[in-house]
Amino acid sequence: MATLTEDLRWRGLIHQATDPALGPRLDAGGLTVYIGFDPTAPSLHVGNLLQLCTLRRLQLGVISPSRWRVGAPG
């Protein structure tokens, strides 16, 4: 079975990374992730869908939903 990093690369969601430790950290789990967009906007676009699909992929991979945060940052 492929690791989360391999799966994200295969899907074209990771092209390059400045930190070589990113792959092992993703595969180990326990990370908190953030995406930012306004869900109350009059319309959403395919870029928003890509973010949501990636969050779902991370949830299925290694990140617990209890670590998700919903709401405005700051």
Protein backbone atom coordinates (compact mmCIF):
# COMPACT_ATOMS: atom_id res chain seq x y z
CA MET A 1 0.00 0.00 0.00
CA ALA A 2 1.25 3.47 -0.89
CA THR A 3 2.16 5.98 1.79
CA LEU A 4 0.23 9.24 2.03
CA THR A 5 3.13 11.12 0.46
CA GLU A 6 3.30 8.70 -2.47
CA ASP A 7 -0.46 9.01 -2.95
CA LEU A 8 -0.35 12.83 -2.95
CA ARG A 9 2.56 12.83 -5.42
CA TRP A 10 0.75 10.38 -7.69
CA ARG A 11 -2.28 12.68 -7.69
CA GLY A 12 -0.09 15.66 -8.61
CA LEU A 13 -0.70 17.43 -5.31
CA ILE A 14 2.99 17.50 -4.34
CA HIS A 15 5.38 18.63 -7.02
CA GLN A 16 8.30 19.81 -4.90
CA ALA A 17 8.97 20.68 -1.28
CA THR A 18 11.60 22.86 0.36
CA ASP A 19 11.76 20.66 3.46
CA PRO A 20 12.96 17.10 2.79
CA ALA A 21 11.40 16.03 6.11
CA LEU A 22 7.88 16.82 4.83
CA GLY A 23 7.24 13.32 3.46
CA PRO A 24 8.14 11.44 6.63
CA ARG A 25 6.19 13.96 8.74
CA LEU A 26 3.07 13.53 6.60
CA ASP A 27 3.37 9.76 6.72
CA ALA A 28 3.86 9.75 10.51
CA GLY A 29 0.66 11.68 11.21
CA GLY A 30 -0.17 14.02 14.03
CA LEU A 31 -0.08 17.19 11.93
CA THR A 32 -2.50 20.09 12.01
CA VAL A 33 -3.43 21.43 8.56
CA TYR A 34 -5.13 24.64 7.47
CA ILE A 35 -6.86 25.79 4.32
CA GLY A 36 -8.26 29.24 3.88
CA PHE A 37 -11.26 30.35 1.91
CA ASP A 38 -14.57 32.07 2.62
CA PRO A 39 -17.35 29.48 2.67
CA THR A 40 -19.93 32.29 2.83
CA ALA A 41 -18.81 33.78 -0.50
CA PRO A 42 -21.47 34.00 -3.23
CA SER A 43 -19.70 31.27 -5.16
CA LEU A 44 -16.91 28.76 -4.73
CA HIS A 45 -14.69 27.47 -7.53
CA VAL A 46 -12.74 24.38 -8.45
CA GLY A 47 -9.75 25.62 -6.43
CA ASN A 48 -11.88 25.43 -3.28
CA LEU A 49 -12.97 21.92 -4.21
CA LEU A 50 -9.34 20.87 -4.63
CA GLN A 51 -8.56 22.13 -1.12
CA LEU A 52 -11.51 20.25 0.36
CA CYS A 53 -10.64 17.05 -1.51
CA THR A 54 -7.05 17.30 -0.27
CA LEU A 55 -8.26 17.74 3.32
CA ARG A 56 -10.37 14.61 2.88
CA ARG A 57 -7.36 12.73 1.50
CA LEU A 58 -5.34 13.82 4.55
CA GLN A 59 -8.16 12.73 6.85
CA LEU A 60 -8.24 9.30 5.24
CA GLY A 61 -4.46 9.15 5.41
CA VAL A 62 -3.23 10.24 8.79
CA ILE A 63 -4.88 13.34 10.24
CA SER A 64 -7.64 12.95 12.81
CA PRO A 65 -10.78 15.08 12.26
CA SER A 66 -10.51 16.18 15.88
CA ARG A 67 -7.53 18.30 14.83
CA TRP A 68 -9.49 20.20 12.17
CA ARG A 69 -10.37 23.81 12.83
CA VAL A 70 -13.31 25.61 11.23
CA GLY A 71 -13.61 29.37 11.29
CA ALA A 72 -11.71 32.53 10.59
CA PRO A 73 -8.03 32.54 11.58
CA GLY A 74 -6.78 35.02 14.10
